[in-house]
Amino acid sequence: MTDMPVAKNALVTGGGSGIGRSVCLRLAQAGANIFVLDLDLESAGNTVSEIEEQGGEAQALGCDISDSKATREIFEDVLKHDPIDFLVNSAGIAHIGNIENTSEDDLDRLYSVNVKGTYNAMAAVVPSMKVRRYGVIVNVASVASSVGISDRFAYSMTKGAVLTMTYSVARDYVNHGIRCNCVAPARVHTPFVDRYLEKNYPDNRDEMFEALANSQPIGRMGAPDEIAALIAYLCSDDAAFITGANVPIDGGFVTLNN
């Protein structure tokens, strides 16, 4: 595991479940103090409890990151007392459908969380990082931001925006001590996958799980902790020479499926 300097503070959006939860645990194990931000405050609290049980320090924050005012206020409250050294934008929602069965409401809903939410968090923290001339931002994008995937019209749109926002922030603040990167996972076994299978394939769940797993050349889905390990590395000083990067973690999905 990559160790971090003592007393670094990390704020992780979507930290109550899935990849975000694993990121919180991994960064805490590496020595960071964690602010777990999630729409579901109870889920954020559960992550905090896990961190504290392992001897770490964490605080739960409830916030809808699509709400600009609420996001700004909660970041301001944190920054009154603690600097934010690492921001990990993990919060996101998914949608399955092509352009014909993606409604305007679907598009707006995904935009508000995946794009605007990522913007809101970065806009709230960049000024303080700029003043300190130090900060690391890691955004969770997707293989869908780089290649076409069937029935992911709205999701691909939002993750493409996350990728290009990452490039823009990295370019604009490279001389201010801020590094900004994104990771691009393929399919990861999170609670979303389990809920999707239970809802859509209750009678052949195991068969469909195998089909989804085998859609990646490596023959399985990723694990949230594998994504978290990469994010922890990008936050660490070991990655001090990396900025403006889109780092794939996809079991060969992008390169070996072509």
C-alpha atoms as a PDB file:
ATOM      1  CA  MET A   1       0.000   0.000   0.000  1.00  0.00           C
ATOM      2  CA  THR A   2       1.212   3.521  -0.784  1.00  0.00           C
ATOM      3  CA  ASP A   3       1.759   5.523   2.398  1.00  0.00           C
ATOM      4  CA  MET A   4       0.913   9.194   2.625  1.00  0.00           C
ATOM      5  CA  PRO A   5       2.371  12.006   4.667  1.00  0.00           C
ATOM      6  CA  VAL A   6       0.769  12.395   8.085  1.00  0.00           C
ATOM      7  CA  ALA A   7      -2.352  14.541   8.444  1.00  0.00           C
ATOM      8  CA  LYS A   8      -3.412  14.702   4.820  1.00  0.00           C
ATOM      9  CA  ASN A   9      -7.144  15.282   4.380  1.00  0.00           C
ATOM     10  CA  ALA A  10      -9.211  13.621   1.672  1.00  0.00           C
ATOM     11  CA  LEU A  11     -12.778  14.387   0.667  1.00  0.00           C
ATOM     12  CA  VAL A  12     -14.474  11.608  -1.282  1.00  0.00           C
ATOM     13  CA  THR A  13     -17.841  12.134  -2.957  1.00  0.00           C
ATOM     14  CA  GLY A  14     -20.056   9.088  -3.185  1.00  0.00           C
ATOM     15  CA  GLY A  15     -18.096   7.657  -0.265  1.00  0.00           C
ATOM     16  CA  GLY A  16     -21.011   5.741   1.191  1.00  0.00           C
ATOM     17  CA  SER A  17     -20.896   2.784  -1.186  1.00  0.00           C
ATOM     18  CA  GLY A  18     -19.195   1.083  -4.110  1.00  0.00           C
ATOM     19  CA  ILE A  19     -15.933   2.500  -5.396  1.00  0.00           C
ATOM     20  CA  GLY A  20     -16.211   5.580  -3.195  1.00  0.00           C
ATOM     21  CA  ARG A  21     -16.447   3.512  -0.020  1.00  0.00           C
ATOM     22  CA  SER A  22     -13.378   1.494  -1.006  1.00  0.00           C
ATOM     23  CA  VAL A  23     -11.486   4.714  -1.768  1.00  0.00           C
ATOM     24  CA  CYS A  24     -12.305   6.056   1.695  1.00  0.00           C
ATOM     25  CA  LEU A  25     -11.092   2.883   3.382  1.00  0.00           C
ATOM     26  CA  ARG A  26      -7.927   2.680   1.291  1.00  0.00           C
ATOM     27  CA  LEU A  27      -6.948   6.320   1.844  1.00  0.00           C
ATOM     28  CA  ALA A  28      -7.655   5.989   5.560  1.00  0.00           C
ATOM     29  CA  GLN A  29      -5.423   2.918   5.736  1.00  0.00           C
ATOM     30  CA  ALA A  30      -2.715   4.971   4.046  1.00  0.00           C
ATOM     31  CA  GLY A  31      -2.936   7.571   6.809  1.00  0.00           C
ATOM     32  CA  ALA A  32      -5.331  10.202   5.466  1.00  0.00           C
ATOM     33  CA  ASN A  33      -8.159  11.797   7.426  1.00  0.00           C
ATOM     34  CA  ILE A  34     -11.350  11.239   5.443  1.00  0.00           C
ATOM     35  CA  PHE A  35     -14.420  13.362   4.801  1.00  0.00           C
ATOM     36  CA  VAL A  36     -17.031  10.927   3.498  1.00  0.00           C
ATOM     37  CA  LEU A  37     -19.569  12.847   1.432  1.00  0.00           C
ATOM     38  CA  ASP A  38     -22.702  11.125   0.191  1.00  0.00           C
ATOM     39  CA  LEU A  39     -26.321  11.905  -0.592  1.00  0.00           C
ATOM     40  CA  ASP A  40     -27.206   9.138   1.877  1.00  0.00           C
ATOM     41  CA  LEU A  41     -25.848  10.334   5.217  1.00  0.00           C
ATOM     42  CA  GLU A  42     -26.504   6.943   6.817  1.00  0.00           C
ATOM     43  CA  SER A  43     -24.319   5.210   4.229  1.00  0.00           C
ATOM     44  CA  ALA A  44     -21.610   7.817   4.767  1.00  0.00           C
ATOM     45  CA  GLY A  45     -21.837   7.129   8.485  1.00  0.00           C
ATOM     46  CA  ASN A  46     -21.395   3.409   7.900  1.00  0.00           C
ATOM     47  CA  THR A  47     -18.179   4.085   5.996  1.00  0.00           C
ATOM     48  CA  VAL A  48     -16.995   6.322   8.830  1.00  0.00           C
ATOM     49  CA  SER A  49     -17.689   3.540  11.327  1.00  0.00           C
ATOM     50  CA  GLU A  50     -15.609   1.097   9.281  1.00  0.00           C
ATOM     51  CA  ILE A  51     -12.733   3.562   9.147  1.00  0.00           C
ATOM     52  CA  GLU A  52     -12.880   4.231  12.864  1.00  0.00           C
ATOM     53  CA  GLU A  53     -12.991   0.511  13.640  1.00  0.00           C
ATOM     54  CA  GLN A  54      -9.681   0.223  11.793  1.00  0.00           C
ATOM     55  CA  GLY A  55      -8.154   3.066  13.792  1.00  0.00           C
ATOM     56  CA  GLY A  56      -8.623   5.837  11.237  1.00  0.00           C
ATOM     57  CA  GLU A  57     -10.268   9.231  11.407  1.00  0.00           C
ATOM     58  CA  ALA A  58     -13.295  10.222   9.358  1.00  0.00           C
ATOM     59  CA  GLN A  59     -16.370  12.409   9.278  1.00  0.00           C
ATOM     60  CA  ALA A  60     -19.662  11.871   7.463  1.00  0.00           C
ATOM     61  CA  LEU A  61     -21.146  14.659   5.354  1.00  0.00           C
ATOM     62  CA  GLY A  62     -24.586  14.554   3.745  1.00  0.00           C
ATOM     63  CA  CYS A  63     -24.890  16.501   0.512  1.00  0.00           C
ATOM     64  CA  ASP A  64     -26.524  16.418  -2.914  1.00  0.00           C
ATOM     65  CA  ILE A  65     -23.575  17.326  -5.126  1.00  0.00           C
ATOM     66  CA  SER A  66     -25.895  18.357  -7.944  1.00  0.00           C
ATOM     67  CA  ASP A  67     -26.940  21.289  -5.722  1.00  0.00           C
ATOM     68  CA  SER A  68     -24.331  24.009  -6.276  1.00  0.00           C
ATOM     69  CA  LYS A  69     -25.224  26.040  -3.191  1.00  0.00           C
ATOM     70  CA  ALA A  70     -25.292  23.056  -0.840  1.00  0.00           C
ATOM     71  CA  THR A  71     -21.998  21.736  -2.205  1.00  0.00           C
ATOM     72  CA  ARG A  72     -20.278  25.081  -1.899  1.00  0.00           C
ATOM     73  CA  GLU A  73     -21.517  25.521   1.670  1.00  0.00           C
ATOM     74  CA  ILE A  74     -20.390  22.106   2.846  1.00  0.00           C
ATOM     75  CA  PHE A  75     -16.930  22.574   1.315  1.00  0.00           C
ATOM     76  CA  GLU A  76     -16.673  26.022   2.903  1.00  0.00           C
ATOM     77  CA  ASP A  77     -17.545  24.520   6.267  1.00  0.00           C
ATOM     78  CA  VAL A  78     -14.817  21.876   5.929  1.00  0.00           C
ATOM     79  CA  LEU A  79     -12.256  24.403   4.713  1.00  0.00           C
ATOM     80  CA  LYS A  80     -12.857  26.660   7.733  1.00  0.00           C
ATOM     81  CA  HIS A  81     -11.184  24.023   9.862  1.00  0.00           C
ATOM     82  CA  ASP A  82      -9.121  21.777   7.565  1.00  0.00           C
ATOM     83  CA  PRO A  83      -7.442  22.005   4.173  1.00  0.00           C
ATOM     84  CA  ILE A  84      -8.538  19.503   1.559  1.00  0.00           C
ATOM     85  CA  ASP A  85      -5.443  17.877   0.111  1.00  0.00           C
ATOM     86  CA  PHE A  86      -7.178  15.219  -1.981  1.00  0.00           C
ATOM     87  CA  LEU A  87     -10.549  15.402  -3.728  1.00  0.00           C
ATOM     88  CA  VAL A  88     -11.889  12.184  -5.209  1.00  0.00           C
ATOM     89  CA  ASN A  89     -15.014  12.569  -7.319  1.00  0.00           C
ATOM     90  CA  SER A  90     -16.564   9.125  -7.162  1.00  0.00           C
ATOM     91  CA  ALA A  91     -20.256  10.023  -6.914  1.00  0.00           C
ATOM     92  CA  GLY A  92     -22.180   9.095 -10.023  1.00  0.00           C
ATOM     93  CA  ILE A  93     -25.295   7.464 -11.386  1.00  0.00           C
ATOM     94  CA  ALA A  94     -25.871   5.229 -14.389  1.00  0.00           C
ATOM     95  CA  HIS A  95     -28.461   4.833 -17.127  1.00  0.00           C
ATOM     96  CA  ILE A  96     -29.017   2.121 -19.701  1.00  0.00           C
ATOM     97  CA  GLY A  97     -30.398   3.130 -23.076  1.00  0.00           C
ATOM     98  CA  ASN A  98     -29.638   4.493 -26.531  1.00  0.00           C
ATOM     99  CA  ILE A  99     -30.702   7.931 -27.761  1.00  0.00           C
ATOM    100  CA  GLU A 100     -34.188   6.690 -28.666  1.00  0.00           C
ATOM    101  CA  ASN A 101     -35.005   5.510 -25.163  1.00  0.00           C
ATOM    102  CA  THR A 102     -33.143   8.208 -23.261  1.00  0.00           C
ATOM    103  CA  SER A 103     -35.587  10.898 -22.248  1.00  0.00           C
ATOM    104  CA  GLU A 104     -34.700  14.523 -21.671  1.00  0.00           C
ATOM    105  CA  ASP A 105     -35.314  13.915 -17.979  1.00  0.00           C
ATOM    106  CA  ASP A 106     -32.851  10.997 -18.054  1.00  0.00           C
ATOM    107  CA  LEU A 107     -30.257  13.185 -19.716  1.00  0.00           C
ATOM    108  CA  ASP A 108     -30.751  16.030 -17.249  1.00  0.00           C
ATOM    109  CA  ARG A 109     -30.634  13.669 -14.253  1.00  0.00           C
ATOM    110  CA  LEU A 110     -27.302  12.143 -15.279  1.00  0.00           C
ATOM    111  CA  TYR A 111     -25.869  15.523 -16.211  1.00  0.00           C
ATOM    112  CA  SER A 112     -26.821  17.022 -12.853  1.00  0.00           C
ATOM    113  CA  VAL A 113     -24.954  14.387 -10.848  1.00  0.00           C
ATOM    114  CA  ASN A 114     -22.121  13.140 -13.046  1.00  0.00           C
ATOM    115  CA  VAL A 115     -21.144  16.376 -14.755  1.00  0.00           C
ATOM    116  CA  LYS A 116     -22.468  19.220 -12.643  1.00  0.00           C
ATOM    117  CA  GLY A 117     -21.688  17.362  -9.421  1.00  0.00           C
ATOM    118  CA  THR A 118     -18.070  16.877 -10.464  1.00  0.00           C
ATOM    119  CA  TYR A 119     -17.888  20.522 -11.496  1.00  0.00           C
ATOM    120  CA  ASN A 120     -19.419  21.686  -8.205  1.00  0.00           C
ATOM    121  CA  ALA A 121     -16.893  19.773  -6.110  1.00  0.00           C
ATOM    122  CA  MET A 122     -13.883  20.886  -8.143  1.00  0.00           C
ATOM    123  CA  ALA A 123     -15.041  24.507  -8.259  1.00  0.00           C
ATOM    124  CA  ALA A 124     -15.463  24.464  -4.482  1.00  0.00           C
ATOM    125  CA  VAL A 125     -11.959  23.169  -3.742  1.00  0.00           C
ATOM    126  CA  VAL A 126      -9.662  24.498  -6.480  1.00  0.00           C
ATOM    127  CA  PRO A 127      -9.361  28.073  -5.101  1.00  0.00           C
ATOM    128  CA  SER A 128      -8.080  26.828  -1.732  1.00  0.00           C
ATOM    129  CA  MET A 129      -5.684  24.394  -3.404  1.00  0.00           C
ATOM    130  CA  LYS A 130      -4.451  27.212  -5.628  1.00  0.00           C
ATOM    131  CA  VAL A 131      -3.681  29.408  -2.612  1.00  0.00           C
ATOM    132  CA  ARG A 132      -1.795  26.578  -0.903  1.00  0.00           C
ATOM    133  CA  ARG A 133      -0.130  25.587  -4.183  1.00  0.00           C
ATOM    134  CA  TYR A 134      -0.920  21.992  -3.417  1.00  0.00           C
ATOM    135  CA  GLY A 135      -3.749  19.612  -4.166  1.00  0.00           C
ATOM    136  CA  VAL A 136      -4.689  16.409  -5.926  1.00  0.00           C
ATOM    137  CA  ILE A 137      -7.965  15.752  -7.713  1.00  0.00           C
ATOM    138  CA  VAL A 138      -8.931  12.329  -9.024  1.00  0.00           C
ATOM    139  CA  ASN A 139     -12.126  11.949 -11.027  1.00  0.00           C
ATOM    140  CA  VAL A 140     -13.794   8.626 -11.727  1.00  0.00           C
ATOM    141  CA  ALA A 141     -14.495   8.502 -15.459  1.00  0.00           C
ATOM    142  CA  SER A 142     -15.101   5.281 -17.401  1.00  0.00           C
ATOM    143  CA  VAL A 143     -14.103   3.298 -20.450  1.00  0.00           C
ATOM    144  CA  ALA A 144     -17.340   4.781 -21.823  1.00  0.00           C
ATOM    145  CA  SER A 145     -15.536   8.111 -22.099  1.00  0.00           C
ATOM    146  CA  SER A 146     -13.097   6.646 -24.626  1.00  0.00           C
ATOM    147  CA  VAL A 147     -14.973   4.027 -26.672  1.00  0.00           C
ATOM    148  CA  GLY A 148     -18.527   3.466 -27.814  1.00  0.00           C
ATOM    149  CA  ILE A 149     -20.562   1.117 -25.609  1.00  0.00           C
ATOM    150  CA  SER A 150     -24.030  -0.058 -26.571  1.00  0.00           C
ATOM    151  CA  ASP A 151     -26.986   1.441 -24.696  1.00  0.00           C
ATOM    152  CA  ARG A 152     -24.960   3.917 -22.661  1.00  0.00           C
ATOM    153  CA  PHE A 153     -25.843   7.130 -24.481  1.00  0.00           C
ATOM    154  CA  ALA A 154     -26.398   9.415 -21.476  1.00  0.00           C
ATOM    155  CA  TYR A 155     -23.796   7.751 -19.302  1.00  0.00           C
ATOM    156  CA  SER A 156     -21.147   8.015 -22.015  1.00  0.00           C
ATOM    157  CA  MET A 157     -21.999  11.680 -22.499  1.00  0.00           C
ATOM    158  CA  THR A 158     -21.407  12.430 -18.832  1.00  0.00           C
ATOM    159  CA  LYS A 159     -18.221  10.414 -18.478  1.00  0.00           C
ATOM    160  CA  GLY A 160     -16.802  12.014 -21.612  1.00  0.00           C
ATOM    161  CA  ALA A 161     -17.379  15.358 -19.923  1.00  0.00           C
ATOM    162  CA  VAL A 162     -15.622  14.145 -16.764  1.00  0.00           C
ATOM    163  CA  LEU A 163     -12.610  13.184 -18.875  1.00  0.00           C
ATOM    164  CA  THR A 164     -12.358  16.518 -20.667  1.00  0.00           C
ATOM    165  CA  MET A 165     -12.954  18.506 -17.461  1.00  0.00           C
ATOM    166  CA  THR A 166     -10.023  16.578 -16.004  1.00  0.00           C
ATOM    167  CA  TYR A 167      -7.794  17.593 -18.890  1.00  0.00           C
ATOM    168  CA  SER A 168      -8.875  21.217 -18.588  1.00  0.00           C
ATOM    169  CA  VAL A 169      -8.278  21.528 -14.847  1.00  0.00           C
ATOM    170  CA  ALA A 170      -4.919  19.764 -15.149  1.00  0.00           C
ATOM    171  CA  ARG A 171      -3.831  22.213 -17.858  1.00  0.00           C
ATOM    172  CA  ASP A 172      -5.105  25.346 -16.116  1.00  0.00           C
ATOM    173  CA  TYR A 173      -3.567  24.603 -12.713  1.00  0.00           C
ATOM    174  CA  VAL A 174      -0.373  22.702 -13.486  1.00  0.00           C
ATOM    175  CA  ASN A 175       1.628  25.775 -12.450  1.00  0.00           C
ATOM    176  CA  HIS A 176      -0.322  26.147  -9.204  1.00  0.00           C
ATOM    177  CA  GLY A 177       0.731  22.873  -7.626  1.00  0.00           C
ATOM    178  CA  ILE A 178      -2.532  21.085  -8.430  1.00  0.00           C
ATOM    179  CA  ARG A 179      -2.548  17.688 -10.102  1.00  0.00           C
ATOM    180  CA  CYS A 180      -5.756  16.443 -11.722  1.00  0.00           C
ATOM    181  CA  ASN A 181      -6.175  12.950 -13.169  1.00  0.00           C
ATOM    182  CA  CYS A 182      -8.980  10.525 -13.846  1.00  0.00           C
ATOM    183  CA  VAL A 183      -9.308   6.765 -13.762  1.00  0.00           C
ATOM    184  CA  ALA A 184     -11.297   4.878 -16.372  1.00  0.00           C
ATOM    185  CA  PRO A 185     -12.729   1.616 -15.030  1.00  0.00           C
ATOM    186  CA  ALA A 186     -14.560  -0.955 -17.079  1.00  0.00           C
ATOM    187  CA  ARG A 187     -17.303  -2.943 -15.349  1.00  0.00           C
ATOM    188  CA  VAL A 188     -16.751  -3.117 -11.595  1.00  0.00           C
ATOM    189  CA  HIS A 189     -18.675  -5.422  -9.266  1.00  0.00           C
ATOM    190  CA  THR A 190     -20.556  -2.908  -7.126  1.00  0.00           C
ATOM    191  CA  PRO A 191     -24.028  -2.984  -5.535  1.00  0.00           C
ATOM    192  CA  PHE A 192     -25.323  -1.323  -8.727  1.00  0.00           C
ATOM    193  CA  VAL A 193     -24.485  -4.451 -10.731  1.00  0.00           C
ATOM    194  CA  ASP A 194     -26.238  -6.695  -8.220  1.00  0.00           C
ATOM    195  CA  ARG A 195     -29.363  -4.498  -8.196  1.00  0.00           C
ATOM    196  CA  TYR A 196     -29.399  -4.395 -12.001  1.00  0.00           C
ATOM    197  CA  LEU A 197     -29.258  -8.177 -12.257  1.00  0.00           C
ATOM    198  CA  GLU A 198     -31.889  -8.727  -9.579  1.00  0.00           C
ATOM    199  CA  LYS A 199     -34.264  -6.314 -11.295  1.00  0.00           C
ATOM    200  CA  ASN A 200     -33.765  -7.378 -14.902  1.00  0.00           C
ATOM    201  CA  TYR A 201     -32.659 -11.027 -14.710  1.00  0.00           C
ATOM    202  CA  PRO A 202     -34.116 -12.540 -11.527  1.00  0.00           C
ATOM    203  CA  ASP A 203     -34.422 -16.019 -13.080  1.00  0.00           C
ATOM    204  CA  ASN A 204     -30.956 -16.264 -14.619  1.00  0.00           C
ATOM    205  CA  ARG A 205     -28.920 -13.895 -12.510  1.00  0.00           C
ATOM    206  CA  ASP A 206     -25.820 -16.111 -12.299  1.00  0.00           C
ATOM    207  CA  GLU A 207     -25.756 -16.694 -16.048  1.00  0.00           C
ATOM    208  CA  MET A 208     -25.957 -12.972 -16.749  1.00  0.00           C
ATOM    209  CA  PHE A 209     -23.320 -12.200 -14.128  1.00  0.00           C
ATOM    210  CA  GLU A 210     -20.915 -14.514 -15.949  1.00  0.00           C
ATOM    211  CA  ALA A 211     -21.769 -12.906 -19.280  1.00  0.00           C
ATOM    212  CA  LEU A 212     -21.018  -9.450 -17.900  1.00  0.00           C
ATOM    213  CA  ALA A 213     -17.796 -10.660 -16.320  1.00  0.00           C
ATOM    214  CA  ASN A 214     -16.642 -12.326 -19.527  1.00  0.00           C
ATOM    215  CA  SER A 215     -17.253  -9.170 -21.559  1.00  0.00           C
ATOM    216  CA  GLN A 216     -13.848  -8.047 -20.288  1.00  0.00           C
ATOM    217  CA  PRO A 217     -10.875  -9.829 -21.857  1.00  0.00           C
ATOM    218  CA  ILE A 218      -9.402 -10.642 -18.445  1.00  0.00           C
ATOM    219  CA  GLY A 219     -12.513 -12.701 -17.741  1.00  0.00           C
ATOM    220  CA  ARG A 220     -13.928 -10.977 -14.674  1.00  0.00           C
ATOM    221  CA  MET A 221     -15.219  -7.685 -13.333  1.00  0.00           C
ATOM    222  CA  GLY A 222     -12.979  -5.353 -11.417  1.00  0.00           C
ATOM    223  CA  ALA A 223     -13.186  -5.091  -7.641  1.00  0.00           C
ATOM    224  CA  PRO A 224     -13.835  -1.711  -5.986  1.00  0.00           C
ATOM    225  CA  ASP A 225     -10.654  -2.075  -3.935  1.00  0.00           C
ATOM    226  CA  GLU A 226      -8.603  -2.418  -7.123  1.00  0.00           C
ATOM    227  CA  ILE A 227      -9.928   0.929  -8.334  1.00  0.00           C
ATOM    228  CA  ALA A 228      -9.306   2.398  -4.887  1.00  0.00           C
ATOM    229  CA  ALA A 229      -5.693   1.215  -4.909  1.00  0.00           C
ATOM    230  CA  LEU A 230      -5.052   3.048  -8.183  1.00  0.00           C
ATOM    231  CA  ILE A 231      -6.708   6.206  -6.867  1.00  0.00           C
ATOM    232  CA  ALA A 232      -4.647   6.051  -3.665  1.00  0.00           C
ATOM    233  CA  TYR A 233      -1.504   5.818  -5.783  1.00  0.00           C
ATOM    234  CA  LEU A 234      -2.517   8.847  -7.861  1.00  0.00           C
ATOM    235  CA  CYS A 235      -3.081  10.810  -4.641  1.00  0.00           C
ATOM    236  CA  SER A 236       0.312   9.847  -3.237  1.00  0.00           C
ATOM    237  CA  ASP A 237       3.645  11.576  -3.706  1.00  0.00           C
ATOM    238  CA  ASP A 238       4.769   8.523  -5.676  1.00  0.00           C
ATOM    239  CA  ALA A 239       2.576   9.893  -8.483  1.00  0.00           C
ATOM    240  CA  ALA A 240       3.917  13.442  -8.271  1.00  0.00           C
ATOM    241  CA  PHE A 241       4.915  13.363 -11.963  1.00  0.00           C
ATOM    242  CA  ILE A 242       1.424  12.380 -13.149  1.00  0.00           C
ATOM    243  CA  THR A 243      -1.159  14.975 -14.107  1.00  0.00           C
ATOM    244  CA  GLY A 244      -3.626  15.310 -16.955  1.00  0.00           C
ATOM    245  CA  ALA A 245      -3.782  11.527 -17.297  1.00  0.00           C
ATOM    246  CA  ASN A 246      -6.679   9.222 -18.063  1.00  0.00           C
ATOM    247  CA  VAL A 247      -5.580   5.971 -16.453  1.00  0.00           C
ATOM    248  CA  PRO A 248      -7.421   2.834 -17.653  1.00  0.00           C
ATOM    249  CA  ILE A 249      -8.204   0.044 -15.219  1.00  0.00           C
ATOM    250  CA  ASP A 250     -10.358  -2.164 -17.372  1.00  0.00           C
ATOM    251  CA  GLY A 251      -9.086  -5.731 -17.690  1.00  0.00           C
ATOM    252  CA  GLY A 252      -8.029  -5.000 -21.267  1.00  0.00           C
ATOM    253  CA  PHE A 253     -11.492  -3.791 -22.330  1.00  0.00           C
ATOM    254  CA  VAL A 254     -10.425  -0.830 -24.462  1.00  0.00           C
ATOM    255  CA  THR A 255      -7.304  -2.188 -26.137  1.00  0.00           C
ATOM    256  CA  LEU A 256      -7.960  -5.918 -26.374  1.00  0.00           C
ATOM    257  CA  ASN A 257     -11.569  -5.766 -27.574  1.00  0.00           C
ATOM    258  CA  ASN A 258     -10.608  -3.811 -30.689  1.00  0.00           C
END
